Amino acid sequence: MADHRRGSRRRGQGELEALVLSALREADGPATAGWVRERLGGDLAHTTVITILTRLLAKGAVTRERTGRSFAWTPASDQAGLAAHRMRRVLDAENDREAVLASFVTGLGPDDERLLRELLGDSPSGGED
């Protein structure tokens, strides 16, 4: 039988994390690392799945609870919540928050700027509703 890995590409850590999170979101409840591994097709080693889940736990992207001798894992939030968490981590790592936020906001397109104003409760017409 031919080596099925020949020609396959190596996945990056971020891609594996996204795949694991996607699998967890499809679960009916907390899921074990073994269940996640099976859901992803079994191509990853069990230890790789555990490593990814542990990294996601450190990032606050998943929670875990003890079930017997192992853990059951649950996503901490949806994809939008995880993206927001990453954005806050980047912002927290900077010394000049105001400059970072100002640069971010000035780089937004008109639709995103309008949406941000709506979310902040600030209408583009100067606050008059």
N, C-alpha and C. Protein backbone atom coordinates (compact mmCIF):
# COMPACT_ATOMS: atom_id res chain seq x y z
N MET A 1 0.84 -1.17 0.00
CA MET A 1 0.00 0.00 0.00
C MET A 1 0.89 1.24 0.00
N ALA A 2 0.51 2.24 -0.76
CA ALA A 2 1.30 3.46 -0.86
C ALA A 2 1.19 4.25 0.45
N ASP A 3 2.23 5.02 0.71
CA ASP A 3 2.23 5.88 1.89
C ASP A 3 1.20 6.98 1.69
N HIS A 4 0.11 6.95 2.47
CA HIS A 4 -0.96 7.93 2.30
C HIS A 4 -0.56 9.33 2.73
N ARG A 5 0.58 9.44 3.44
CA ARG A 5 1.03 10.76 3.87
C ARG A 5 1.83 11.46 2.78
N ARG A 6 2.28 10.74 1.79
CA ARG A 6 3.08 11.35 0.73
C ARG A 6 2.23 12.39 0.02
N GLY A 7 2.76 13.58 -0.12
CA GLY A 7 2.05 14.64 -0.78
C GLY A 7 1.13 15.43 0.14
N SER A 8 0.93 14.92 1.37
CA SER A 8 0.09 15.69 2.29
C SER A 8 0.92 16.80 2.90
N ARG A 9 0.25 17.87 3.24
CA ARG A 9 0.98 19.00 3.81
C ARG A 9 0.90 18.96 5.32
N ARG A 10 1.87 19.57 5.93
CA ARG A 10 1.90 19.65 7.39
C ARG A 10 1.00 20.80 7.83
N ARG A 11 0.12 20.54 8.79
CA ARG A 11 -0.79 21.58 9.28
C ARG A 11 -0.10 22.39 10.35
N GLY A 12 -0.39 23.68 10.39
CA GLY A 12 0.16 24.56 11.41
C GLY A 12 -0.62 24.46 12.70
N GLN A 13 -0.03 24.95 13.79
CA GLN A 13 -0.65 24.89 15.10
C GLN A 13 -2.00 25.59 15.09
N GLY A 14 -2.08 26.76 14.49
CA GLY A 14 -3.35 27.50 14.46
C GLY A 14 -4.44 26.73 13.74
N GLU A 15 -4.06 26.06 12.66
CA GLU A 15 -5.04 25.28 11.90
C GLU A 15 -5.54 24.09 12.72
N LEU A 16 -4.62 23.43 13.42
CA LEU A 16 -5.02 22.29 14.26
C LEU A 16 -5.92 22.76 15.41
N GLU A 17 -5.59 23.90 16.00
CA GLU A 17 -6.43 24.43 17.07
C GLU A 17 -7.84 24.71 16.55
N ALA A 18 -7.92 25.29 15.36
CA ALA A 18 -9.23 25.59 14.77
C ALA A 18 -10.01 24.31 14.51
N LEU A 19 -9.34 23.28 14.02
CA LEU A 19 -10.01 22.00 13.77
C LEU A 19 -10.52 21.37 15.06
N VAL A 20 -9.71 21.42 16.10
CA VAL A 20 -10.11 20.85 17.38
C VAL A 20 -11.30 21.62 17.95
N LEU A 21 -11.24 22.94 17.90
CA LEU A 21 -12.36 23.75 18.39
C LEU A 21 -13.63 23.48 17.59
N SER A 22 -13.49 23.34 16.30
CA SER A 22 -14.64 23.05 15.46
C SER A 22 -15.27 21.71 15.86
N ALA A 23 -14.45 20.73 16.09
CA ALA A 23 -14.95 19.41 16.51
C ALA A 23 -15.67 19.53 17.86
N LEU A 24 -15.08 20.26 18.80
CA LEU A 24 -15.72 20.41 20.11
C LEU A 24 -17.07 21.12 20.01
N ARG A 25 -17.18 22.08 19.10
CA ARG A 25 -18.45 22.79 18.94
C ARG A 25 -19.53 21.88 18.35
N GLU A 26 -19.13 20.84 17.65
CA GLU A 26 -20.09 19.90 17.08
C GLU A 26 -20.56 18.86 18.09
N ALA A 27 -19.87 18.76 19.21
CA ALA A 27 -20.22 17.77 20.23
C ALA A 27 -21.53 18.16 20.92
N ASP A 28 -22.26 17.15 21.40
CA ASP A 28 -23.51 17.40 22.12
C ASP A 28 -23.27 17.89 23.54
N GLY A 29 -22.04 17.80 24.00
CA GLY A 29 -21.67 18.21 25.35
C GLY A 29 -20.17 18.09 25.48
N PRO A 30 -19.65 18.04 26.69
CA PRO A 30 -18.21 17.87 26.87
C PRO A 30 -17.72 16.61 26.14
N ALA A 31 -16.54 16.71 25.53
CA ALA A 31 -16.01 15.61 24.73
C ALA A 31 -14.59 15.25 25.18
N THR A 32 -14.27 13.99 25.08
CA THR A 32 -12.92 13.54 25.44
C THR A 32 -11.97 13.78 24.28
N ALA A 33 -10.68 13.73 24.59
CA ALA A 33 -9.67 13.87 23.54
C ALA A 33 -9.80 12.74 22.52
N GLY A 34 -10.15 11.56 22.98
CA GLY A 34 -10.35 10.44 22.06
C GLY A 34 -11.48 10.69 21.09
N TRP A 35 -12.58 11.28 21.59
CA TRP A 35 -13.71 11.61 20.72
C TRP A 35 -13.28 12.64 19.69
N VAL A 36 -12.53 13.67 20.13
CA VAL A 36 -12.05 14.70 19.20
C VAL A 36 -11.17 14.07 18.14
N ARG A 37 -10.26 13.21 18.55
CA ARG A 37 -9.36 12.54 17.61
C ARG A 37 -10.14 11.75 16.57
N GLU A 38 -11.13 10.99 17.01
CA GLU A 38 -11.96 10.22 16.07
C GLU A 38 -12.72 11.15 15.13
N ARG A 39 -13.24 12.24 15.68
CA ARG A 39 -14.02 13.20 14.87
C ARG A 39 -13.15 13.81 13.77
N LEU A 40 -11.86 13.97 14.05
CA LEU A 40 -10.93 14.55 13.07
C LEU A 40 -10.37 13.49 12.12
N GLY A 41 -10.84 12.27 12.23
CA GLY A 41 -10.43 11.22 11.30
C GLY A 41 -9.35 10.32 11.82
N GLY A 42 -8.85 10.55 13.03
CA GLY A 42 -7.86 9.65 13.61
C GLY A 42 -6.45 9.81 13.07
N ASP A 43 -6.20 10.83 12.24
CA ASP A 43 -4.87 11.02 11.68
C ASP A 43 -3.86 11.56 12.70
N LEU A 44 -4.36 12.24 13.71
CA LEU A 44 -3.48 12.82 14.72
C LEU A 44 -3.23 11.82 15.84
N ALA A 45 -2.04 11.90 16.43
CA ALA A 45 -1.75 11.08 17.60
C ALA A 45 -2.57 11.59 18.78
N HIS A 46 -2.92 10.70 19.67
CA HIS A 46 -3.68 11.08 20.86
C HIS A 46 -2.93 12.16 21.64
N THR A 47 -1.62 12.01 21.76
CA THR A 47 -0.82 12.99 22.50
C THR A 47 -0.85 14.36 21.82
N THR A 48 -0.94 14.40 20.50
CA THR A 48 -1.04 15.68 19.78
C THR A 48 -2.35 16.37 20.12
N VAL A 49 -3.44 15.62 20.15
CA VAL A 49 -4.75 16.18 20.48
C VAL A 49 -4.71 16.72 21.91
N ILE A 50 -4.13 15.97 22.84
CA ILE A 50 -4.02 16.43 24.23
C ILE A 50 -3.20 17.71 24.29
N THR A 51 -2.10 17.79 23.56
CA THR A 51 -1.27 18.99 23.54
C THR A 51 -2.05 20.19 23.04
N ILE A 52 -2.80 20.01 21.97
CA ILE A 52 -3.59 21.10 21.40
C ILE A 52 -4.66 21.55 22.41
N LEU A 53 -5.35 20.59 23.02
CA LEU A 53 -6.37 20.93 24.01
C LEU A 53 -5.76 21.67 25.21
N THR A 54 -4.59 21.24 25.65
CA THR A 54 -3.92 21.90 26.77
C THR A 54 -3.52 23.33 26.41
N ARG A 55 -3.05 23.54 25.19
CA ARG A 55 -2.72 24.90 24.74
C ARG A 55 -3.98 25.76 24.67
N LEU A 56 -5.06 25.19 24.19
CA LEU A 56 -6.33 25.93 24.13
C LEU A 56 -6.83 26.26 25.53
N LEU A 57 -6.62 25.37 26.48
CA LEU A 57 -6.99 25.63 27.87
C LEU A 57 -6.19 26.81 28.41
N ALA A 58 -4.89 26.83 28.14
CA ALA A 58 -4.04 27.94 28.60
C ALA A 58 -4.46 29.27 27.99
N LYS A 59 -5.01 29.23 26.79
CA LYS A 59 -5.48 30.44 26.10
C LYS A 59 -6.89 30.84 26.51
N GLY A 60 -7.53 30.02 27.32
CA GLY A 60 -8.89 30.31 27.75
C GLY A 60 -9.94 29.96 26.70
N ALA A 61 -9.56 29.19 25.69
CA ALA A 61 -10.47 28.85 24.60
C ALA A 61 -11.34 27.64 24.91
N VAL A 62 -10.91 26.80 25.86
CA VAL A 62 -11.68 25.62 26.26
C VAL A 62 -11.67 25.51 27.78
N THR A 63 -12.61 24.75 28.29
CA THR A 63 -12.60 24.37 29.70
C THR A 63 -12.56 22.86 29.76
N ARG A 64 -12.24 22.33 30.92
CA ARG A 64 -12.22 20.88 31.07
C ARG A 64 -12.74 20.49 32.43
N GLU A 65 -13.27 19.28 32.48
CA GLU A 65 -13.74 18.72 33.74
C GLU A 65 -13.27 17.27 33.82
N ARG A 66 -12.93 16.85 35.01
CA ARG A 66 -12.45 15.49 35.20
C ARG A 66 -13.60 14.52 35.02
N THR A 67 -13.35 13.49 34.21
CA THR A 67 -14.30 12.39 34.04
C THR A 67 -13.52 11.10 34.16
N GLY A 68 -13.57 10.50 35.34
CA GLY A 68 -12.78 9.30 35.58
C GLY A 68 -11.30 9.64 35.61
N ARG A 69 -10.53 8.95 34.78
CA ARG A 69 -9.09 9.18 34.74
C ARG A 69 -8.68 10.20 33.68
N SER A 70 -9.63 10.72 32.94
CA SER A 70 -9.28 11.69 31.90
C SER A 70 -10.13 12.95 32.06
N PHE A 71 -10.15 13.76 31.02
CA PHE A 71 -10.90 15.00 31.05
C PHE A 71 -11.91 15.04 29.91
N ALA A 72 -12.97 15.79 30.12
CA ALA A 72 -13.91 16.10 29.06
C ALA A 72 -13.76 17.60 28.80
N TRP A 73 -13.72 17.97 27.53
CA TRP A 73 -13.39 19.33 27.10
C TRP A 73 -14.61 20.00 26.48
N THR A 74 -14.73 21.31 26.70
CA THR A 74 -15.83 22.10 26.17
C THR A 74 -15.28 23.42 25.65
N PRO A 75 -15.74 23.89 24.49
CA PRO A 75 -15.28 25.21 24.03
C PRO A 75 -15.79 26.28 25.00
N ALA A 76 -14.94 27.27 25.29
CA ALA A 76 -15.31 28.33 26.24
C ALA A 76 -16.25 29.34 25.60
N SER A 77 -16.17 29.48 24.29
CA SER A 77 -17.05 30.42 23.60
C SER A 77 -17.11 30.06 22.12
N ASP A 78 -17.91 30.80 21.38
CA ASP A 78 -18.02 30.55 19.96
C ASP A 78 -16.83 31.18 19.22
N GLN A 79 -16.81 31.05 17.91
CA GLN A 79 -15.69 31.55 17.10
C GLN A 79 -15.50 33.05 17.26
N ALA A 80 -16.59 33.80 17.32
CA ALA A 80 -16.49 35.25 17.49
C ALA A 80 -15.89 35.59 18.85
N GLY A 81 -16.28 34.88 19.87
CA GLY A 81 -15.73 35.11 21.20
C GLY A 81 -14.25 34.81 21.26
N LEU A 82 -13.83 33.75 20.57
CA LEU A 82 -12.41 33.41 20.54
C LEU A 82 -11.60 34.46 19.79
N ALA A 83 -12.14 34.97 18.70
CA ALA A 83 -11.44 36.03 17.96
C ALA A 83 -11.33 37.28 18.82
N ALA A 84 -12.39 37.62 19.54
CA ALA A 84 -12.36 38.79 20.42
C ALA A 84 -11.32 38.60 21.53
N HIS A 85 -11.22 37.38 22.05
CA HIS A 85 -10.23 37.08 23.08
C HIS A 85 -8.81 37.28 22.54
N ARG A 86 -8.56 36.82 21.32
CA ARG A 86 -7.24 37.01 20.71
C ARG A 86 -6.93 38.49 20.52
N MET A 87 -7.94 39.25 20.10
CA MET A 87 -7.74 40.69 19.91
C MET A 87 -7.41 41.37 21.24
N ARG A 88 -8.08 40.98 22.32
CA ARG A 88 -7.78 41.56 23.63
C ARG A 88 -6.39 41.21 24.08
N ARG A 89 -5.95 39.97 23.82
CA ARG A 89 -4.59 39.57 24.20
C ARG A 89 -3.55 40.41 23.48
N VAL A 90 -3.77 40.67 22.20
CA VAL A 90 -2.85 41.52 21.44
C VAL A 90 -2.84 42.92 22.03
N LEU A 91 -4.01 43.46 22.30
CA LEU A 91 -4.11 44.80 22.87
C LEU A 91 -3.44 44.87 24.24
N ASP A 92 -3.65 43.86 25.06
CA ASP A 92 -3.05 43.83 26.40
C ASP A 92 -1.52 43.77 26.36
N ALA A 93 -0.97 43.26 25.28
CA ALA A 93 0.48 43.13 25.17
C ALA A 93 1.16 44.44 24.76
N GLU A 94 0.39 45.43 24.38
CA GLU A 94 0.95 46.70 23.92
C GLU A 94 1.00 47.73 25.05
N ASN A 95 2.00 48.61 24.99
CA ASN A 95 2.15 49.64 26.01
C ASN A 95 1.18 50.80 25.82
N ASP A 96 0.94 51.18 24.57
CA ASP A 96 0.10 52.35 24.28
C ASP A 96 -1.23 51.89 23.70
N ARG A 97 -2.17 51.54 24.57
CA ARG A 97 -3.47 51.02 24.14
C ARG A 97 -4.20 52.03 23.26
N GLU A 98 -4.14 53.31 23.64
CA GLU A 98 -4.84 54.33 22.89
C GLU A 98 -4.34 54.40 21.45
N ALA A 99 -3.03 54.34 21.27
CA ALA A 99 -2.47 54.40 19.91
C ALA A 99 -2.87 53.17 19.10
N VAL A 100 -2.86 52.01 19.74
CA VAL A 100 -3.23 50.78 19.04
C VAL A 100 -4.69 50.83 18.63
N LEU A 101 -5.57 51.22 19.56
CA LEU A 101 -6.99 51.31 19.23
C LEU A 101 -7.25 52.36 18.16
N ALA A 102 -6.58 53.52 18.26
CA ALA A 102 -6.77 54.57 17.26
C ALA A 102 -6.33 54.08 15.88
N SER A 103 -5.22 53.39 15.83
CA SER A 103 -4.73 52.87 14.55
C SER A 103 -5.69 51.83 13.99
N PHE A 104 -6.21 50.99 14.85
CA PHE A 104 -7.16 49.97 14.42
C PHE A 104 -8.42 50.62 13.85
N VAL A 105 -8.99 51.56 14.59
CA VAL A 105 -10.24 52.18 14.17
C VAL A 105 -10.07 52.97 12.88
N THR A 106 -8.95 53.70 12.73
CA THR A 106 -8.76 54.48 11.51
C THR A 106 -8.52 53.58 10.30
N GLY A 107 -8.16 52.33 10.54
CA GLY A 107 -7.95 51.39 9.43
C GLY A 107 -9.21 50.65 9.02
N LEU A 108 -10.32 50.87 9.73
CA LEU A 108 -11.57 50.19 9.39
C LEU A 108 -12.19 50.79 8.14
N GLY A 109 -12.86 49.95 7.39
CA GLY A 109 -13.63 50.42 6.24
C GLY A 109 -14.91 51.06 6.73
N PRO A 110 -15.62 51.77 5.85
CA PRO A 110 -16.84 52.47 6.26
C PRO A 110 -17.90 51.56 6.88
N ASP A 111 -18.10 50.38 6.35
CA ASP A 111 -19.11 49.47 6.90
C ASP A 111 -18.74 49.00 8.30
N ASP A 112 -17.46 48.66 8.49
CA ASP A 112 -17.02 48.22 9.82
C ASP A 112 -17.06 49.37 10.81
N GLU A 113 -16.72 50.57 10.36
CA GLU A 113 -16.77 51.73 11.25
C GLU A 113 -18.22 51.99 11.69
N ARG A 114 -19.15 51.91 10.75
CA ARG A 114 -20.57 52.10 11.07
C ARG A 114 -21.03 51.04 12.07
N LEU A 115 -20.65 49.80 11.83
CA LEU A 115 -21.04 48.72 12.73
C LEU A 115 -20.46 48.94 14.13
N LEU A 116 -19.21 49.34 14.21
CA LEU A 116 -18.60 49.59 15.51
C LEU A 116 -19.32 50.71 16.24
N ARG A 117 -19.65 51.77 15.51
CA ARG A 117 -20.40 52.88 16.14
C ARG A 117 -21.75 52.38 16.67
N GLU A 118 -22.43 51.56 15.89
CA GLU A 118 -23.72 51.02 16.34
C GLU A 118 -23.56 50.17 17.58
N LEU A 119 -22.53 49.33 17.60
CA LEU A 119 -22.30 48.47 18.75
C LEU A 119 -21.96 49.28 20.00
N LEU A 120 -21.29 50.40 19.80
CA LEU A 120 -20.94 51.26 20.94
C LEU A 120 -22.08 52.20 21.32
N GLY A 121 -23.17 52.17 20.54
CA GLY A 121 -24.31 53.03 20.83
C GLY A 121 -24.09 54.47 20.44
N ASP A 122 -23.20 54.68 19.47
CA ASP A 122 -22.86 56.03 19.03
C ASP A 122 -23.22 56.16 17.56
N SER A 123 -24.23 56.95 17.25
CA SER A 123 -24.64 57.07 15.86
C SER A 123 -23.66 57.98 15.11
N PRO A 124 -23.48 57.75 13.79
CA PRO A 124 -22.54 58.56 13.01
C PRO A 124 -22.95 60.03 12.96
N SER A 125 -24.19 60.36 13.27
CA SER A 125 -24.64 61.75 13.17
C SER A 125 -24.36 62.54 14.43
N GLY A 126 -23.51 62.02 15.30
CA GLY A 126 -23.11 62.77 16.48
C GLY A 126 -23.90 62.43 17.72
N GLY A 127 -24.56 61.26 17.73
CA GLY A 127 -25.24 60.81 18.92
C GLY A 127 -26.71 61.14 18.97
N GLU A 128 -27.26 61.81 17.96
CA GLU A 128 -28.69 62.12 17.95
C GLU A 128 -29.45 60.98 17.29
N ASP A 129 -30.48 60.50 17.96
CA ASP A 129 -31.30 59.42 17.39
C ASP A 129 -32.70 59.89 17.12
